[in-house]
């Protein structure tokens, strides 16, 4: 079972939800963490499940849940971030919970942000959307519609399930070299979000912040992988799912 718990659920009608879970190139977590710090976003809740890995993130000496929800009152958006790869067994259920959550609080749109593999990244911003009007807007802003391809994970489930819930969803992606992680990818992603959501997030300090986030997340993913191996040996807990970065 997955729970989405809020400490503050007032005044969320019309907000956009940005989903920034780990994926190729760590684009989502780097972009999401930078937005939290740069905008001083308010922590308003978390995601919880017995099948999530038993870890706690420590930020500024404070232990926190590894899957969190933040709010930007200035730009009217919520941000969902996770510091672990969502277990494959939970993808469909989590997508359903996010869509039900979005409908309950009358959110305007869900935007996933991530990377797509490329041998020679060009810096282009791509989009696929279940909302034709949003897709037209993105193309007018210079984003490239994805004509053919495959989207995976929670993002894919959100895109295909959203019509059942009457929720508008999009996926903003940047090309990444899968062999490396580069703060530039997160910068390009936020540039796309700035355009799409009429924001003006300053990117001048992103490079250093994103490098620190990358290091923390890679260390955390290694610890999760090690703990999964130990649980598997002990027979006390099944593995939560393969890491995309193993």
Protein backbone atom coordinates (compact mmCIF):
# COMPACT_ATOMS: atom_id res chain seq x y z
CA UNK A 1 0.00 0.00 0.00
CA UNK A 2 1.21 3.52 -0.83
CA UNK A 3 0.15 6.60 1.10
CA UNK A 4 0.50 10.23 0.06
CA UNK A 5 0.47 12.22 3.27
CA UNK A 6 0.24 16.02 3.51
CA UNK A 7 0.96 18.25 6.48
CA UNK A 8 -0.66 21.18 4.64
CA UNK A 9 -3.38 20.62 2.06
CA UNK A 10 -4.86 24.10 1.86
CA UNK A 11 -5.10 26.14 -1.32
CA UNK A 12 -3.73 23.63 -3.83
CA UNK A 13 -6.48 23.99 -6.45
CA UNK A 14 -5.03 24.86 -9.85
CA UNK A 15 -1.46 23.93 -8.91
CA UNK A 16 0.79 21.93 -11.24
CA UNK A 17 2.50 18.78 -9.93
CA UNK A 18 6.09 18.18 -11.07
CA UNK A 19 7.21 14.55 -10.77
CA UNK A 20 11.01 14.29 -10.50
CA UNK A 21 11.79 10.69 -9.54
CA UNK A 22 15.21 9.17 -10.38
CA UNK A 23 15.76 8.15 -13.98
CA UNK A 24 18.49 8.09 -16.55
CA UNK A 25 21.09 10.80 -15.96
CA UNK A 26 19.49 11.73 -12.59
CA UNK A 27 17.88 14.68 -14.37
CA UNK A 28 14.76 14.74 -12.20
CA UNK A 29 16.46 14.63 -8.77
CA UNK A 30 19.09 17.20 -9.74
CA UNK A 31 16.52 19.59 -11.17
CA UNK A 32 14.09 19.01 -8.31
CA UNK A 33 16.64 19.49 -5.53
CA UNK A 34 17.88 22.68 -7.12
CA UNK A 35 14.35 24.10 -7.33
CA UNK A 36 13.74 23.26 -3.67
CA UNK A 37 16.89 25.11 -2.57
CA UNK A 38 16.67 28.02 -4.99
CA UNK A 39 12.98 28.76 -4.36
CA UNK A 40 13.03 27.91 -0.67
CA UNK A 41 10.16 25.51 -1.27
CA UNK A 42 8.03 24.44 1.67
CA UNK A 43 8.04 20.78 2.74
CA UNK A 44 4.36 19.77 2.94
CA UNK A 45 4.28 15.98 2.85
CA UNK A 46 5.70 12.62 1.89
CA UNK A 47 5.07 9.31 0.17
CA UNK A 48 5.13 6.14 2.24
CA UNK A 49 4.97 2.39 1.66
CA UNK A 50 6.07 -0.74 3.50
CA UNK A 51 7.83 -1.70 0.27
CA UNK A 52 10.00 1.39 0.14
CA UNK A 53 13.61 0.74 1.18
CA UNK A 54 14.21 1.30 4.92
CA UNK A 55 16.27 4.46 4.65
CA UNK A 56 16.15 8.04 5.86
CA UNK A 57 17.72 11.00 4.08
CA UNK A 58 19.63 13.50 6.18
CA UNK A 59 19.49 17.16 5.11
CA UNK A 60 21.05 19.89 7.24
CA UNK A 61 21.42 17.38 10.10
CA UNK A 62 17.71 16.55 9.99
CA UNK A 63 16.48 13.03 9.09
CA UNK A 64 13.78 13.11 6.44
CA UNK A 65 11.73 10.63 4.47
CA UNK A 66 13.36 9.81 1.12
CA UNK A 67 10.22 10.50 -0.94
CA UNK A 68 8.91 14.01 -0.27
CA UNK A 69 6.48 16.68 -1.48
CA UNK A 70 7.31 20.39 -1.64
CA UNK A 71 5.26 23.45 -2.48
CA UNK A 72 6.10 26.68 -4.32
CA UNK A 73 3.43 29.25 -3.55
CA UNK A 74 5.15 31.75 -5.85
CA UNK A 75 4.85 29.61 -8.97
CA UNK A 76 1.87 27.48 -7.87
CA UNK A 77 3.41 24.06 -8.22
CA UNK A 78 4.07 20.99 -6.10
CA UNK A 79 7.19 18.88 -6.47
CA UNK A 80 7.45 15.13 -5.79
CA UNK A 81 11.03 13.94 -5.38
CA UNK A 82 12.48 10.58 -4.45
CA UNK A 83 16.03 9.63 -3.59
CA UNK A 84 15.59 5.99 -4.56
CA UNK A 85 14.41 4.20 -7.66
CA UNK A 86 10.70 3.39 -7.40
CA UNK A 87 10.34 -0.41 -7.11
CA UNK A 88 8.90 -1.90 -10.27
CA UNK A 89 6.18 -3.69 -8.30
CA UNK A 90 4.86 -0.33 -7.07
CA UNK A 91 4.88 1.64 -10.32
CA UNK A 92 1.25 1.12 -11.30
CA UNK A 93 -0.11 1.62 -7.78
CA UNK A 94 1.96 4.76 -7.26
CA UNK A 95 0.74 6.22 -10.55
CA UNK A 96 -2.87 5.54 -9.51
CA UNK A 97 -2.28 7.20 -6.13
CA UNK A 98 -0.68 10.28 -7.73
CA UNK A 99 -3.54 10.65 -10.20
CA UNK A 100 -6.17 10.20 -7.47
CA UNK A 101 -4.29 12.73 -5.34
CA UNK A 102 -4.22 15.19 -8.23
CA UNK A 103 -7.95 14.81 -8.82
CA UNK A 104 -8.76 15.12 -5.11
CA UNK A 105 -6.93 18.45 -4.82
CA UNK A 106 -8.01 19.74 -8.27
CA UNK A 107 -4.46 20.07 -9.57
CA UNK A 108 -4.20 21.55 -13.03
CA UNK A 109 -1.50 19.44 -14.63
CA UNK A 110 1.17 16.81 -13.95
CA UNK A 111 4.58 17.29 -15.57
CA UNK A 112 7.23 14.57 -15.34
CA UNK A 113 10.84 15.58 -15.92
CA UNK A 114 13.66 13.26 -16.91
CA UNK A 115 16.24 12.19 -19.45
CA UNK A 116 16.34 10.19 -22.65
CA UNK A 117 19.50 8.38 -23.82
CA UNK A 118 21.51 9.81 -26.69
CA UNK A 119 25.04 9.17 -27.95
CA UNK A 120 25.37 12.85 -28.83
CA UNK A 121 23.09 15.04 -26.68
CA UNK A 122 22.08 18.20 -28.53
CA UNK A 123 20.58 20.24 -25.71
CA UNK A 124 17.11 19.98 -27.23
CA UNK A 125 14.03 19.74 -25.02
CA UNK A 126 11.48 17.06 -25.93
CA UNK A 127 7.91 16.54 -24.83
CA UNK A 128 5.14 14.00 -25.02
CA UNK A 129 1.74 14.79 -23.60
CA UNK A 130 -1.69 13.31 -23.10
CA UNK A 131 -2.99 16.88 -23.42
CA UNK A 132 -3.12 18.11 -27.04
CA UNK A 133 -3.37 21.76 -26.02
CA UNK A 134 -0.30 21.47 -23.79
CA UNK A 135 1.57 19.73 -26.59
CA UNK A 136 0.73 22.55 -29.02
CA UNK A 137 1.88 25.13 -26.47
CA UNK A 138 5.16 23.29 -25.92
CA UNK A 139 5.87 23.06 -29.65
CA UNK A 140 5.24 26.80 -30.04
CA UNK A 141 7.79 27.35 -27.26
CA UNK A 142 10.42 25.44 -29.22
CA UNK A 143 10.15 21.99 -27.66
CA UNK A 144 10.30 18.96 -29.91
CA UNK A 145 7.41 16.48 -29.85
CA UNK A 146 8.49 12.85 -29.59
CA UNK A 147 7.19 11.11 -32.68
CA UNK A 148 8.21 7.55 -31.82
CA UNK A 149 9.76 6.04 -28.72
CA UNK A 150 9.20 4.38 -25.35
CA UNK A 151 8.60 5.95 -21.94
CA UNK A 152 8.99 3.77 -18.83
CA UNK A 153 8.30 3.71 -15.12
CA UNK A 154 5.97 5.95 -13.14
CA UNK A 155 6.06 8.58 -15.90
CA UNK A 156 4.71 6.10 -18.45
CA UNK A 157 1.94 4.94 -16.13
CA UNK A 158 0.90 8.53 -15.44
CA UNK A 159 0.71 9.33 -19.14
CA UNK A 160 -1.40 6.33 -20.13
CA UNK A 161 -3.67 6.28 -17.07
CA UNK A 162 -4.36 10.03 -16.86
CA UNK A 163 -7.41 10.06 -19.21
CA UNK A 164 -9.19 7.69 -16.79
CA UNK A 165 -8.83 10.34 -14.07
CA UNK A 166 -9.45 13.39 -16.22
CA UNK A 167 -5.96 14.71 -15.43
CA UNK A 168 -3.68 16.50 -17.90
CA UNK A 169 -0.16 14.98 -18.03
CA UNK A 170 3.09 15.68 -19.89
CA UNK A 171 6.65 14.42 -19.89
CA UNK A 172 9.52 16.88 -20.45
CA UNK A 173 12.78 15.16 -21.40
CA UNK A 174 16.30 16.17 -22.28
CA UNK A 175 18.87 14.13 -24.14
CA UNK A 176 21.56 12.65 -21.89
CA UNK A 177 24.65 10.56 -22.35
CA UNK A 178 23.74 7.52 -20.20
CA UNK A 179 27.40 6.99 -19.29
CA UNK A 180 27.63 10.23 -17.33
CA UNK A 181 25.61 12.64 -15.23
CA UNK A 182 25.97 16.32 -15.99
CA UNK A 183 24.34 19.31 -14.24
CA UNK A 184 23.82 20.77 -17.70
CA UNK A 185 21.03 18.26 -18.25
CA UNK A 186 19.16 19.53 -15.19
CA UNK A 187 19.69 23.10 -16.37
CA UNK A 188 18.14 22.32 -19.75
CA UNK A 189 15.20 20.59 -18.04
CA UNK A 190 14.49 23.60 -15.82
CA UNK A 191 14.76 25.89 -18.85
CA UNK A 192 11.97 23.80 -20.37
CA UNK A 193 9.87 24.01 -17.21
CA UNK A 194 10.44 27.77 -17.07
CA UNK A 195 8.96 28.08 -20.55
CA UNK A 196 6.13 25.60 -20.13
CA UNK A 197 4.96 26.78 -16.69
CA UNK A 198 5.72 30.49 -17.06
CA UNK A 199 8.40 30.47 -14.36
CA UNK A 200 11.66 32.35 -14.01
CA UNK A 201 13.94 30.13 -11.92
CA UNK A 202 17.51 31.51 -11.83
CA UNK A 203 19.97 28.87 -13.05
CA UNK A 204 23.26 30.60 -12.28
CA UNK A 205 24.05 28.45 -9.23
CA UNK A 206 22.78 25.15 -10.56
CA UNK A 207 26.13 23.60 -11.52
CA UNK A 208 27.54 23.27 -7.99
CA UNK A 209 24.22 22.35 -6.39
CA UNK A 210 23.51 19.65 -8.98
CA UNK A 211 26.97 18.09 -8.54
CA UNK A 212 26.38 17.81 -4.79
CA UNK A 213 22.95 16.26 -5.36
CA UNK A 214 24.40 13.75 -7.83
CA UNK A 215 27.02 12.63 -5.30
CA UNK A 216 24.46 12.24 -2.50
CA UNK A 217 22.02 10.29 -4.64
CA UNK A 218 24.66 7.92 -5.99
CA UNK A 219 25.86 7.22 -2.45
CA UNK A 220 22.28 6.63 -1.34
CA UNK A 221 21.54 4.29 -4.25
CA UNK A 222 24.65 2.27 -3.43
CA UNK A 223 23.54 1.93 0.20
CA UNK A 224 20.09 0.83 -0.94
CA UNK A 225 21.60 -1.75 -3.26
CA UNK A 226 23.83 -3.07 -0.47
CA UNK A 227 20.90 -3.27 1.96
CA UNK A 228 18.79 -5.14 -0.60
CA UNK A 229 21.59 -7.68 -1.00
CA UNK A 230 21.80 -8.15 2.77
CA UNK A 231 18.02 -8.56 3.15
CA UNK A 232 18.03 -11.07 0.29
CA UNK A 233 20.75 -13.11 2.01
CA UNK A 234 18.94 -13.02 5.36
CA UNK A 235 15.59 -13.86 3.78
CA UNK A 236 13.94 -11.15 5.84
CA UNK A 237 12.71 -8.90 3.02
CA UNK A 238 12.34 -9.23 -0.74
CA UNK A 239 14.29 -6.91 -2.96
CA UNK A 240 12.41 -3.73 -3.73
CA UNK A 241 13.41 -3.71 -7.37
CA UNK A 242 16.47 -3.25 -9.56
CA UNK A 243 18.35 0.03 -9.49
CA UNK A 244 18.60 1.88 -12.78
CA UNK A 245 22.17 2.83 -11.84
CA UNK A 246 23.60 -0.53 -10.82
